[in-house]
Each structure stands twice: as structure tokens, then as C-alpha cells.
Amino acid sequence: MPAPAVKKNESAIKRTRQTEKRTIRNRSVKSMLKTLIKNVETEVSNKSTEGVKTALGKAIIAIDKAAQKGVIHKSTASRKVSRLTKLVNSALPSEAA
């Protein structure tokens, strides 16, 4: 990666500083989301009903928070939640019966 160009004015320097902070924060949140989603998928493969419920709940909360903070788009969040819920509902037996 080439060295970033040297900024000339204070506002450009501040913008660079802010961007670096946001990048680190966003990267951390996205990594956490991936981990939580993998946890749900693991619990589904283990067929652990209670584990799936808690993992899905945590994942949905984290996804919604990330969308609220602007880390991911709200449509992306909605799609991820929908797919996870669909996965859980199809993999585990229905409790309504």
C-alpha cells in the first residue's frame, strides 16, 4: 500500500484522522458480526435449540445496532436477519406443532 499523500490544511488532516478512527471501529463491528453469524450457523449444525435461540438473538441485536450506527446499510441488515431467521426456522423443528 503506497504511503498516503501529505495533507496541507488542518481540515484535511482532521478528516484523515476521523476516517482512520471510523475505519478501525467499522472493521471491528463487521468482524464481530461475522463471528456472531458463524455462531448461529454452528448452533444450527449442532441442532442445539437453546443455543440457536440465544445466538440468533445476539446476532439480530448486533446487526440492527450496526445498521443504526451506519456501519452497514439498513437493507443489508434486513437481508442478513431474514436469511439467518430463515436458516434457523428451516433447520430446527417447528415448536408450534
PDB file of N, CA and C in Angstrom:
ATOM      1  N   MET A   1       0.852  -1.179   0.000  1.00  0.00           N
ATOM      2  CA  MET A   1       0.000   0.000   0.000  1.00  0.00           C
ATOM      3  C   MET A   1       0.889   1.230   0.000  1.00  0.00           C
ATOM      4  N   PRO A   2       0.701   2.135  -0.964  1.00  0.00           N
ATOM      5  CA  PRO A   2       1.543   3.332  -1.023  1.00  0.00           C
ATOM      6  C   PRO A   2       1.253   4.261   0.143  1.00  0.00           C
ATOM      7  N   ALA A   3       2.260   5.054   0.488  1.00  0.00           N
ATOM      8  CA  ALA A   3       2.108   5.999   1.590  1.00  0.00           C
ATOM      9  C   ALA A   3       1.078   7.054   1.205  1.00  0.00           C
ATOM     10  N   PRO A   4       0.213   7.451   2.162  1.00  0.00           N
ATOM     11  CA  PRO A   4      -0.799   8.465   1.848  1.00  0.00           C
ATOM     12  C   PRO A   4      -0.150   9.814   1.568  1.00  0.00           C
ATOM     13  N   ALA A   5      -0.790  10.581   0.703  1.00  0.00           N
ATOM     14  CA  ALA A   5      -0.269  11.899   0.363  1.00  0.00           C
ATOM     15  C   ALA A   5      -0.321  12.802   1.598  1.00  0.00           C
ATOM     16  N   VAL A   6       0.626  13.683   1.720  1.00  0.00           N
ATOM     17  CA  VAL A   6       0.677  14.585   2.864  1.00  0.00           C
ATOM     18  C   VAL A   6      -0.374  15.666   2.672  1.00  0.00           C
ATOM     19  N   LYS A   7      -1.221  15.834   3.689  1.00  0.00           N
ATOM     20  CA  LYS A   7      -2.284  16.837   3.610  1.00  0.00           C
ATOM     21  C   LYS A   7      -1.728  18.210   3.963  1.00  0.00           C
ATOM     22  N   LYS A   8      -2.318  19.231   3.357  1.00  0.00           N
ATOM     23  CA  LYS A   8      -1.769  20.576   3.513  1.00  0.00           C
ATOM     24  C   LYS A   8      -2.484  21.419   4.566  1.00  0.00           C
ATOM     25  N   ASN A   9      -3.794  21.205   4.755  1.00  0.00           N
ATOM     26  CA  ASN A   9      -4.505  22.085   5.683  1.00  0.00           C
ATOM     27  C   ASN A   9      -5.069  21.309   6.863  1.00  0.00           C
ATOM     28  N   GLU A  10      -5.484  22.041   7.894  1.00  0.00           N
ATOM     29  CA  GLU A  10      -5.929  21.425   9.134  1.00  0.00           C
ATOM     30  C   GLU A  10      -7.183  20.576   8.954  1.00  0.00           C
ATOM     31  N   SER A  11      -8.117  21.044   8.143  1.00  0.00           N
ATOM     32  CA  SER A  11      -9.354  20.294   7.966  1.00  0.00           C
ATOM     33  C   SER A  11      -9.104  18.958   7.273  1.00  0.00           C
ATOM     34  N   ALA A  12      -8.179  18.935   6.325  1.00  0.00           N
ATOM     35  CA  ALA A  12      -7.852  17.684   5.644  1.00  0.00           C
ATOM     36  C   ALA A  12      -7.159  16.720   6.599  1.00  0.00           C
ATOM     37  N   ILE A  13      -6.312  17.255   7.454  1.00  0.00           N
ATOM     38  CA  ILE A  13      -5.629  16.428   8.444  1.00  0.00           C
ATOM     39  C   ILE A  13      -6.645  15.842   9.415  1.00  0.00           C
ATOM     40  N   LYS A  14      -7.595  16.660   9.867  1.00  0.00           N
ATOM     41  CA  LYS A  14      -8.631  16.189  10.791  1.00  0.00           C
ATOM     42  C   LYS A  14      -9.501  15.129  10.124  1.00  0.00           C
ATOM     43  N   ARG A  15      -9.858  15.346   8.865  1.00  0.00           N
ATOM     44  CA  ARG A  15     -10.679  14.377   8.131  1.00  0.00           C
ATOM     45  C   ARG A  15      -9.965  13.030   8.046  1.00  0.00           C
ATOM     46  N   THR A  16      -8.670  13.070   7.794  1.00  0.00           N
ATOM     47  CA  THR A  16      -7.890  11.840   7.718  1.00  0.00           C
ATOM     48  C   THR A  16      -7.906  11.122   9.058  1.00  0.00           C
ATOM     49  N   ARG A  17      -7.745  11.886  10.130  1.00  0.00           N
ATOM     50  CA  ARG A  17      -7.760  11.320  11.472  1.00  0.00           C
ATOM     51  C   ARG A  17      -9.115  10.670  11.770  1.00  0.00           C
ATOM     52  N   GLN A  18     -10.190  11.356  11.429  1.00  0.00           N
ATOM     53  CA  GLN A  18     -11.532  10.830  11.667  1.00  0.00           C
ATOM     54  C   GLN A  18     -11.775   9.553  10.850  1.00  0.00           C
ATOM     55  N   THR A  19     -11.328   9.567   9.614  1.00  0.00           N
ATOM     56  CA  THR A  19     -11.520   8.412   8.741  1.00  0.00           C
ATOM     57  C   THR A  19     -10.805   7.191   9.291  1.00  0.00           C
ATOM     58  N   GLU A  20      -9.591   7.398   9.793  1.00  0.00           N
ATOM     59  CA  GLU A  20      -8.836   6.279  10.352  1.00  0.00           C
ATOM     60  C   GLU A  20      -9.557   5.693  11.570  1.00  0.00           C
ATOM     61  N   LYS A  21     -10.078   6.554  12.439  1.00  0.00           N
ATOM     62  CA  LYS A  21     -10.806   6.080  13.624  1.00  0.00           C
ATOM     63  C   LYS A  21     -12.044   5.299  13.218  1.00  0.00           C
ATOM     64  N   ARG A  22     -12.803   5.844  12.274  1.00  0.00           N
ATOM     65  CA  ARG A  22     -14.029   5.180  11.828  1.00  0.00           C
ATOM     66  C   ARG A  22     -13.731   3.845  11.164  1.00  0.00           C
ATOM     67  N   THR A  23     -12.654   3.807  10.383  1.00  0.00           N
ATOM     68  CA  THR A  23     -12.281   2.574   9.696  1.00  0.00           C
ATOM     69  C   THR A  23     -11.991   1.469  10.700  1.00  0.00           C
ATOM     70  N   ILE A  24     -11.244   1.810  11.745  1.00  0.00           N
ATOM     71  CA  ILE A  24     -10.925   0.823  12.765  1.00  0.00           C
ATOM     72  C   ILE A  24     -12.191   0.353  13.470  1.00  0.00           C
ATOM     73  N   ARG A  25     -13.067   1.296  13.834  1.00  0.00           N
ATOM     74  CA  ARG A  25     -14.300   0.955  14.526  1.00  0.00           C
ATOM     75  C   ARG A  25     -15.195   0.085  13.645  1.00  0.00           C
ATOM     76  N   ASN A  26     -15.359   0.485  12.388  1.00  0.00           N
ATOM     77  CA  ASN A  26     -16.229  -0.266  11.471  1.00  0.00           C
ATOM     78  C   ASN A  26     -15.694  -1.668  11.220  1.00  0.00           C
ATOM     79  N   ARG A  27     -14.388  -1.784  11.096  1.00  0.00           N
ATOM     80  CA  ARG A  27     -13.771  -3.088  10.855  1.00  0.00           C
ATOM     81  C   ARG A  27     -14.049  -4.014  12.044  1.00  0.00           C
ATOM     82  N   SER A  28     -13.949  -3.452  13.232  1.00  0.00           N
ATOM     83  CA  SER A  28     -14.195  -4.231  14.442  1.00  0.00           C
ATOM     84  C   SER A  28     -15.643  -4.712  14.497  1.00  0.00           C
ATOM     85  N   VAL A  29     -16.579  -3.824  14.190  1.00  0.00           N
ATOM     86  CA  VAL A  29     -18.004  -4.177  14.227  1.00  0.00           C
ATOM     87  C   VAL A  29     -18.316  -5.234  13.174  1.00  0.00           C
ATOM     88  N   LYS A  30     -17.781  -5.072  11.973  1.00  0.00           N
ATOM     89  CA  LYS A  30     -18.051  -6.049  10.913  1.00  0.00           C
ATOM     90  C   LYS A  30     -17.488  -7.420  11.265  1.00  0.00           C
ATOM     91  N   SER A  31     -16.312  -7.427  11.877  1.00  0.00           N
ATOM     92  CA  SER A  31     -15.708  -8.686  12.298  1.00  0.00           C
ATOM     93  C   SER A  31     -16.574  -9.372  13.342  1.00  0.00           C
ATOM     94  N   MET A  32     -17.084  -8.591  14.292  1.00  0.00           N
ATOM     95  CA  MET A  32     -17.952  -9.136  15.329  1.00  0.00           C
ATOM     96  C   MET A  32     -19.226  -9.719  14.710  1.00  0.00           C
ATOM     97  N   LEU A  33     -19.790  -9.011  13.715  1.00  0.00           N
ATOM     98  CA  LEU A  33     -20.997  -9.504  13.056  1.00  0.00           C
ATOM     99  C   LEU A  33     -20.741 -10.850  12.388  1.00  0.00           C
ATOM    100  N   LYS A  34     -19.613 -10.962  11.700  1.00  0.00           N
ATOM    101  CA  LYS A  34     -19.286 -12.223  11.034  1.00  0.00           C
ATOM    102  C   LYS A  34     -19.178 -13.356  12.046  1.00  0.00           C
ATOM    103  N   THR A  35     -18.553 -13.063  13.188  1.00  0.00           N
ATOM    104  CA  THR A  35     -18.407 -14.075  14.228  1.00  0.00           C
ATOM    105  C   THR A  35     -19.764 -14.507  14.766  1.00  0.00           C
ATOM    106  N   LEU A  36     -20.642 -13.541  15.037  1.00  0.00           N
ATOM    107  CA  LEU A  36     -21.968 -13.874  15.568  1.00  0.00           C
ATOM    108  C   LEU A  36     -22.785 -14.679  14.565  1.00  0.00           C
ATOM    109  N   ILE A  37     -22.670 -14.346  13.290  1.00  0.00           N
ATOM    110  CA  ILE A  37     -23.393 -15.084  12.249  1.00  0.00           C
ATOM    111  C   ILE A  37     -22.867 -16.520  12.164  1.00  0.00           C
ATOM    112  N   LYS A  38     -21.539 -16.671  12.261  1.00  0.00           N
ATOM    113  CA  LYS A  38     -20.966 -18.018  12.246  1.00  0.00           C
ATOM    114  C   LYS A  38     -21.417 -18.818  13.460  1.00  0.00           C
ATOM    115  N   ASN A  39     -21.561 -18.134  14.608  1.00  0.00           N
ATOM    116  CA  ASN A  39     -22.038 -18.815  15.814  1.00  0.00           C
ATOM    117  C   ASN A  39     -23.447 -19.376  15.604  1.00  0.00           C
ATOM    118  N   VAL A  40     -24.300 -18.599  14.950  1.00  0.00           N
ATOM    119  CA  VAL A  40     -25.662 -19.071  14.665  1.00  0.00           C
ATOM    120  C   VAL A  40     -25.601 -20.297  13.757  1.00  0.00           C
ATOM    121  N   GLU A  41     -24.788 -20.224  12.715  1.00  0.00           N
ATOM    122  CA  GLU A  41     -24.685 -21.338  11.774  1.00  0.00           C
ATOM    123  C   GLU A  41     -24.134 -22.591  12.463  1.00  0.00           C
ATOM    124  N   THR A  42     -23.192 -22.406  13.366  1.00  0.00           N
ATOM    125  CA  THR A  42     -22.631 -23.537  14.112  1.00  0.00           C
ATOM    126  C   THR A  42     -23.689 -24.174  15.000  1.00  0.00           C
ATOM    127  N   GLU A  43     -24.451 -23.348  15.687  1.00  0.00           N
ATOM    128  CA  GLU A  43     -25.502 -23.867  16.567  1.00  0.00           C
ATOM    129  C   GLU A  43     -26.575 -24.601  15.762  1.00  0.00           C
ATOM    130  N   VAL A  44     -26.879 -24.100  14.574  1.00  0.00           N
ATOM    131  CA  VAL A  44     -27.862 -24.777  13.718  1.00  0.00           C
ATOM    132  C   VAL A  44     -27.326 -26.148  13.305  1.00  0.00           C
ATOM    133  N   SER A  45     -26.047 -26.218  12.955  1.00  0.00           N
ATOM    134  CA  SER A  45     -25.479 -27.505  12.549  1.00  0.00           C
ATOM    135  C   SER A  45     -25.405 -28.485  13.720  1.00  0.00           C
ATOM    136  N   ASN A  46     -25.279 -27.944  14.957  1.00  0.00           N
ATOM    137  CA  ASN A  46     -25.269 -28.798  16.148  1.00  0.00           C
ATOM    138  C   ASN A  46     -26.675 -29.187  16.594  1.00  0.00           C
ATOM    139  N   LYS A  47     -27.677 -28.546  16.005  1.00  0.00           N
ATOM    140  CA  LYS A  47     -29.084 -28.778  16.327  1.00  0.00           C
ATOM    141  C   LYS A  47     -29.392 -28.530  17.809  1.00  0.00           C
ATOM    142  N   SER A  48     -28.768 -27.494  18.352  1.00  0.00           N
ATOM    143  CA  SER A  48     -28.991 -27.102  19.739  1.00  0.00           C
ATOM    144  C   SER A  48     -30.052 -26.006  19.765  1.00  0.00           C
ATOM    145  N   THR A  49     -31.263 -26.348  20.191  1.00  0.00           N
ATOM    146  CA  THR A  49     -32.381 -25.415  20.143  1.00  0.00           C
ATOM    147  C   THR A  49     -32.136 -24.171  20.988  1.00  0.00           C
ATOM    148  N   GLU A  50     -31.725 -24.377  22.241  1.00  0.00           N
ATOM    149  CA  GLU A  50     -31.495 -23.236  23.129  1.00  0.00           C
ATOM    150  C   GLU A  50     -30.315 -22.398  22.642  1.00  0.00           C
ATOM    151  N   GLY A  51     -29.269 -23.071  22.194  1.00  0.00           N
ATOM    152  CA  GLY A  51     -28.096 -22.361  21.687  1.00  0.00           C
ATOM    153  C   GLY A  51     -28.424 -21.524  20.468  1.00  0.00           C
ATOM    154  N   VAL A  52     -29.270 -22.056  19.606  1.00  0.00           N
ATOM    155  CA  VAL A  52     -29.669 -21.328  18.399  1.00  0.00           C
ATOM    156  C   VAL A  52     -30.453 -20.076  18.767  1.00  0.00           C
ATOM    157  N   LYS A  53     -31.362 -20.217  19.720  1.00  0.00           N
ATOM    158  CA  LYS A  53     -32.192 -19.070  20.112  1.00  0.00           C
ATOM    159  C   LYS A  53     -31.339 -17.933  20.659  1.00  0.00           C
ATOM    160  N   THR A  54     -30.400 -18.258  21.549  1.00  0.00           N
ATOM    161  CA  THR A  54     -29.566 -17.202  22.131  1.00  0.00           C
ATOM    162  C   THR A  54     -28.625 -16.610  21.091  1.00  0.00           C
ATOM    163  N   ALA A  55     -28.037 -17.469  20.259  1.00  0.00           N
ATOM    164  CA  ALA A  55     -27.105 -16.985  19.237  1.00  0.00           C
ATOM    165  C   ALA A  55     -27.834 -16.100  18.216  1.00  0.00           C
ATOM    166  N   LEU A  56     -29.040 -16.514  17.819  1.00  0.00           N
ATOM    167  CA  LEU A  56     -29.813 -15.722  16.861  1.00  0.00           C
ATOM    168  C   LEU A  56     -30.201 -14.379  17.465  1.00  0.00           C
ATOM    169  N   GLY A  57     -30.617 -14.385  18.716  1.00  0.00           N
ATOM    170  CA  GLY A  57     -30.982 -13.135  19.381  1.00  0.00           C
ATOM    171  C   GLY A  57     -29.819 -12.159  19.435  1.00  0.00           C
ATOM    172  N   LYS A  58     -28.646 -12.661  19.820  1.00  0.00           N
ATOM    173  CA  LYS A  58     -27.457 -11.801  19.884  1.00  0.00           C
ATOM    174  C   LYS A  58     -27.088 -11.264  18.508  1.00  0.00           C
ATOM    175  N   ALA A  59     -27.166 -12.131  17.505  1.00  0.00           N
ATOM    176  CA  ALA A  59     -26.802 -11.726  16.151  1.00  0.00           C
ATOM    177  C   ALA A  59     -27.744 -10.649  15.618  1.00  0.00           C
ATOM    178  N   ILE A  60     -29.040 -10.819  15.851  1.00  0.00           N
ATOM    179  CA  ILE A  60     -30.022  -9.845  15.362  1.00  0.00           C
ATOM    180  C   ILE A  60     -29.816  -8.492  16.027  1.00  0.00           C
ATOM    181  N   ILE A  61     -29.580  -8.494  17.326  1.00  0.00           N
ATOM    182  CA  ILE A  61     -29.343  -7.233  18.038  1.00  0.00           C
ATOM    183  C   ILE A  61     -28.104  -6.532  17.481  1.00  0.00           C
ATOM    184  N   ALA A  62     -27.027  -7.296  17.285  1.00  0.00           N
ATOM    185  CA  ALA A  62     -25.784  -6.700  16.785  1.00  0.00           C
ATOM    186  C   ALA A  62     -25.948  -6.166  15.363  1.00  0.00           C
ATOM    187  N   ILE A  63     -26.669  -6.908  14.524  1.00  0.00           N
ATOM    188  CA  ILE A  63     -26.889  -6.470  13.145  1.00  0.00           C
ATOM    189  C   ILE A  63     -27.703  -5.181  13.120  1.00  0.00           C
ATOM    190  N   ASP A  64     -28.757  -5.124  13.931  1.00  0.00           N
ATOM    191  CA  ASP A  64     -29.587  -3.919  13.975  1.00  0.00           C
ATOM    192  C   ASP A  64     -28.800  -2.713  14.490  1.00  0.00           C
ATOM    193  N   LYS A  65     -27.952  -2.931  15.478  1.00  0.00           N
ATOM    194  CA  LYS A  65     -27.134  -1.836  16.006  1.00  0.00           C
ATOM    195  C   LYS A  65     -26.153  -1.333  14.959  1.00  0.00           C
ATOM    196  N   ALA A  66     -25.555  -2.259  14.224  1.00  0.00           N
ATOM    197  CA  ALA A  66     -24.600  -1.873  13.193  1.00  0.00           C
ATOM    198  C   ALA A  66     -25.286  -1.038  12.114  1.00  0.00           C
ATOM    199  N   ALA A  67     -26.508  -1.412  11.768  1.00  0.00           N
ATOM    200  CA  ALA A  67     -27.254  -0.646  10.764  1.00  0.00           C
ATOM    201  C   ALA A  67     -27.627   0.721  11.315  1.00  0.00           C
ATOM    202  N   GLN A  68     -27.989   0.763  12.574  1.00  0.00           N
ATOM    203  CA  GLN A  68     -28.372   2.032  13.197  1.00  0.00           C
ATOM    204  C   GLN A  68     -27.187   2.994  13.244  1.00  0.00           C
ATOM    205  N   LYS A  69     -25.987   2.461  13.472  1.00  0.00           N
ATOM    206  CA  LYS A  69     -24.789   3.296  13.550  1.00  0.00           C
ATOM    207  C   LYS A  69     -24.220   3.634  12.174  1.00  0.00           C
ATOM    208  N   GLY A  70     -24.747   2.992  11.136  1.00  0.00           N
ATOM    209  CA  GLY A  70     -24.285   3.302   9.780  1.00  0.00           C
ATOM    210  C   GLY A  70     -23.111   2.468   9.324  1.00  0.00           C
ATOM    211  N   VAL A  71     -22.790   1.413  10.061  1.00  0.00           N
ATOM    212  CA  VAL A  71     -21.682   0.550   9.666  1.00  0.00           C
ATOM    213  C   VAL A  71     -22.084  -0.273   8.441  1.00  0.00           C
ATOM    214  N   ILE A  72     -23.322  -0.767   8.451  1.00  0.00           N
ATOM    215  CA  ILE A  72     -23.868  -1.455   7.284  1.00  0.00           C
ATOM    216  C   ILE A  72     -25.191  -0.786   6.926  1.00  0.00           C
ATOM    217  N   HIS A  73     -25.608  -0.946   5.696  1.00  0.00           N
ATOM    218  CA  HIS A  73     -26.854  -0.338   5.227  1.00  0.00           C
ATOM    219  C   HIS A  73     -28.040  -1.070   5.833  1.00  0.00           C
ATOM    220  N   LYS A  74     -29.145  -0.359   6.004  1.00  0.00           N
ATOM    221  CA  LYS A  74     -30.313  -0.974   6.653  1.00  0.00           C
ATOM    222  C   LYS A  74     -30.886  -2.119   5.821  1.00  0.00           C
ATOM    223  N   SER A  75     -30.786  -2.042   4.509  1.00  0.00           N
ATOM    224  CA  SER A  75     -31.271  -3.146   3.672  1.00  0.00           C
ATOM    225  C   SER A  75     -30.386  -4.374   3.824  1.00  0.00           C
ATOM    226  N   THR A  76     -29.095  -4.151   3.968  1.00  0.00           N
ATOM    227  CA  THR A  76     -28.165  -5.254   4.186  1.00  0.00           C
ATOM    228  C   THR A  76     -28.473  -5.927   5.516  1.00  0.00           C
ATOM    229  N   ALA A  77     -28.732  -5.114   6.530  1.00  0.00           N
ATOM    230  CA  ALA A  77     -29.072  -5.652   7.853  1.00  0.00           C
ATOM    231  C   ALA A  77     -30.347  -6.474   7.777  1.00  0.00           C
ATOM    232  N   SER A  78     -31.344  -5.950   7.099  1.00  0.00           N
ATOM    233  CA  SER A  78     -32.618  -6.648   6.963  1.00  0.00           C
ATOM    234  C   SER A  78     -32.426  -7.980   6.248  1.00  0.00           C
ATOM    235  N   ARG A  79     -31.623  -7.987   5.205  1.00  0.00           N
ATOM    236  CA  ARG A  79     -31.364  -9.207   4.440  1.00  0.00           C
ATOM    237  C   ARG A  79     -30.651 -10.250   5.299  1.00  0.00           C
ATOM    238  N   LYS A  80     -29.652  -9.811   6.076  1.00  0.00           N
ATOM    239  CA  LYS A  80     -28.913 -10.739   6.931  1.00  0.00           C
ATOM    240  C   LYS A  80     -29.826 -11.354   7.988  1.00  0.00           C
ATOM    241  N   VAL A  81     -30.650 -10.520   8.624  1.00  0.00           N
ATOM    242  CA  VAL A  81     -31.573 -11.014   9.651  1.00  0.00           C
ATOM    243  C   VAL A  81     -32.561 -12.001   9.029  1.00  0.00           C
ATOM    244  N   SER A  82     -33.075 -11.659   7.869  1.00  0.00           N
ATOM    245  CA  SER A  82     -34.044 -12.518   7.198  1.00  0.00           C
ATOM    246  C   SER A  82     -33.436 -13.878   6.869  1.00  0.00           C
ATOM    247  N   ARG A  83     -32.238 -13.880   6.344  1.00  0.00           N
ATOM    248  CA  ARG A  83     -31.604 -15.135   5.954  1.00  0.00           C
ATOM    249  C   ARG A  83     -31.269 -15.997   7.174  1.00  0.00           C
ATOM    250  N   LEU A  84     -30.796 -15.339   8.241  1.00  0.00           N
ATOM    251  CA  LEU A  84     -30.496 -16.099   9.455  1.00  0.00           C
ATOM    252  C   LEU A  84     -31.764 -16.718  10.042  1.00  0.00           C
ATOM    253  N   THR A  85     -32.829 -15.932  10.094  1.00  0.00           N
ATOM    254  CA  THR A  85     -34.095 -16.422  10.641  1.00  0.00           C
ATOM    255  C   THR A  85     -34.630 -17.570   9.794  1.00  0.00           C
ATOM    256  N   LYS A  86     -34.532 -17.430   8.492  1.00  0.00           N
ATOM    257  CA  LYS A  86     -34.991 -18.474   7.580  1.00  0.00           C
ATOM    258  C   LYS A  86     -34.182 -19.756   7.779  1.00  0.00           C
ATOM    259  N   LEU A  87     -32.869 -19.599   7.964  1.00  0.00           N
ATOM    260  CA  LEU A  87     -31.998 -20.752   8.211  1.00  0.00           C
ATOM    261  C   LEU A  87     -32.401 -21.478   9.495  1.00  0.00           C
ATOM    262  N   VAL A  88     -32.618 -20.711  10.545  1.00  0.00           N
ATOM    263  CA  VAL A  88     -32.983 -21.300  11.836  1.00  0.00           C
ATOM    264  C   VAL A  88     -34.339 -21.990  11.748  1.00  0.00           C
ATOM    265  N   ASN A  89     -35.304 -21.337  11.111  1.00  0.00           N
ATOM    266  CA  ASN A  89     -36.643 -21.926  11.012  1.00  0.00           C
ATOM    267  C   ASN A  89     -36.672 -23.197  10.155  1.00  0.00           C
ATOM    268  N   SER A  90     -35.852 -23.250   9.127  1.00  0.00           N
ATOM    269  CA  SER A  90     -35.857 -24.431   8.262  1.00  0.00           C
ATOM    270  C   SER A  90     -35.072 -25.598   8.880  1.00  0.00           C
ATOM    271  N   ALA A  91     -34.068 -25.265   9.688  1.00  0.00           N
ATOM    272  CA  ALA A  91     -33.200 -26.321  10.223  1.00  0.00           C
ATOM    273  C   ALA A  91     -33.783 -26.985  11.464  1.00  0.00           C
ATOM    274  N   LEU A  92     -34.471 -26.205  12.284  1.00  0.00           N
ATOM    275  CA  LEU A  92     -34.989 -26.749  13.528  1.00  0.00           C
ATOM    276  C   LEU A  92     -36.455 -27.113  13.401  1.00  0.00           C
ATOM    277  N   PRO A  93     -36.895 -28.119  14.141  1.00  0.00           N
ATOM    278  CA  PRO A  93     -38.314 -28.495  14.067  1.00  0.00           C
ATOM    279  C   PRO A  93     -39.193 -27.373  14.612  1.00  0.00           C
ATOM    280  N   SER A  94     -40.353 -27.266  14.057  1.00  0.00           N
ATOM    281  CA  SER A  94     -41.294 -26.217  14.469  1.00  0.00           C
ATOM    282  C   SER A  94     -41.799 -26.491  15.872  1.00  0.00           C
ATOM    283  N   GLU A  95     -41.857 -25.419  16.685  1.00  0.00           N
ATOM    284  CA  GLU A  95     -42.336 -25.575  18.054  1.00  0.00           C
ATOM    285  C   GLU A  95     -43.853 -25.367  18.128  1.00  0.00           C
ATOM    286  N   ALA A  96     -44.453 -24.903  17.040  1.00  0.00           N
ATOM    287  CA  ALA A  96     -45.891 -24.645  17.037  1.00  0.00           C
ATOM    288  C   ALA A  96     -46.708 -25.939  17.033  1.00  0.00           C
ATOM    289  N   ALA A  97     -46.110 -27.002  16.535  1.00  0.00           N
ATOM    290  CA  ALA A  97     -46.832 -28.278  16.432  1.00  0.00           C
ATOM    291  C   ALA A  97     -46.964 -28.995  17.743  1.00  0.00           C
TER     292      ALA A  97
END
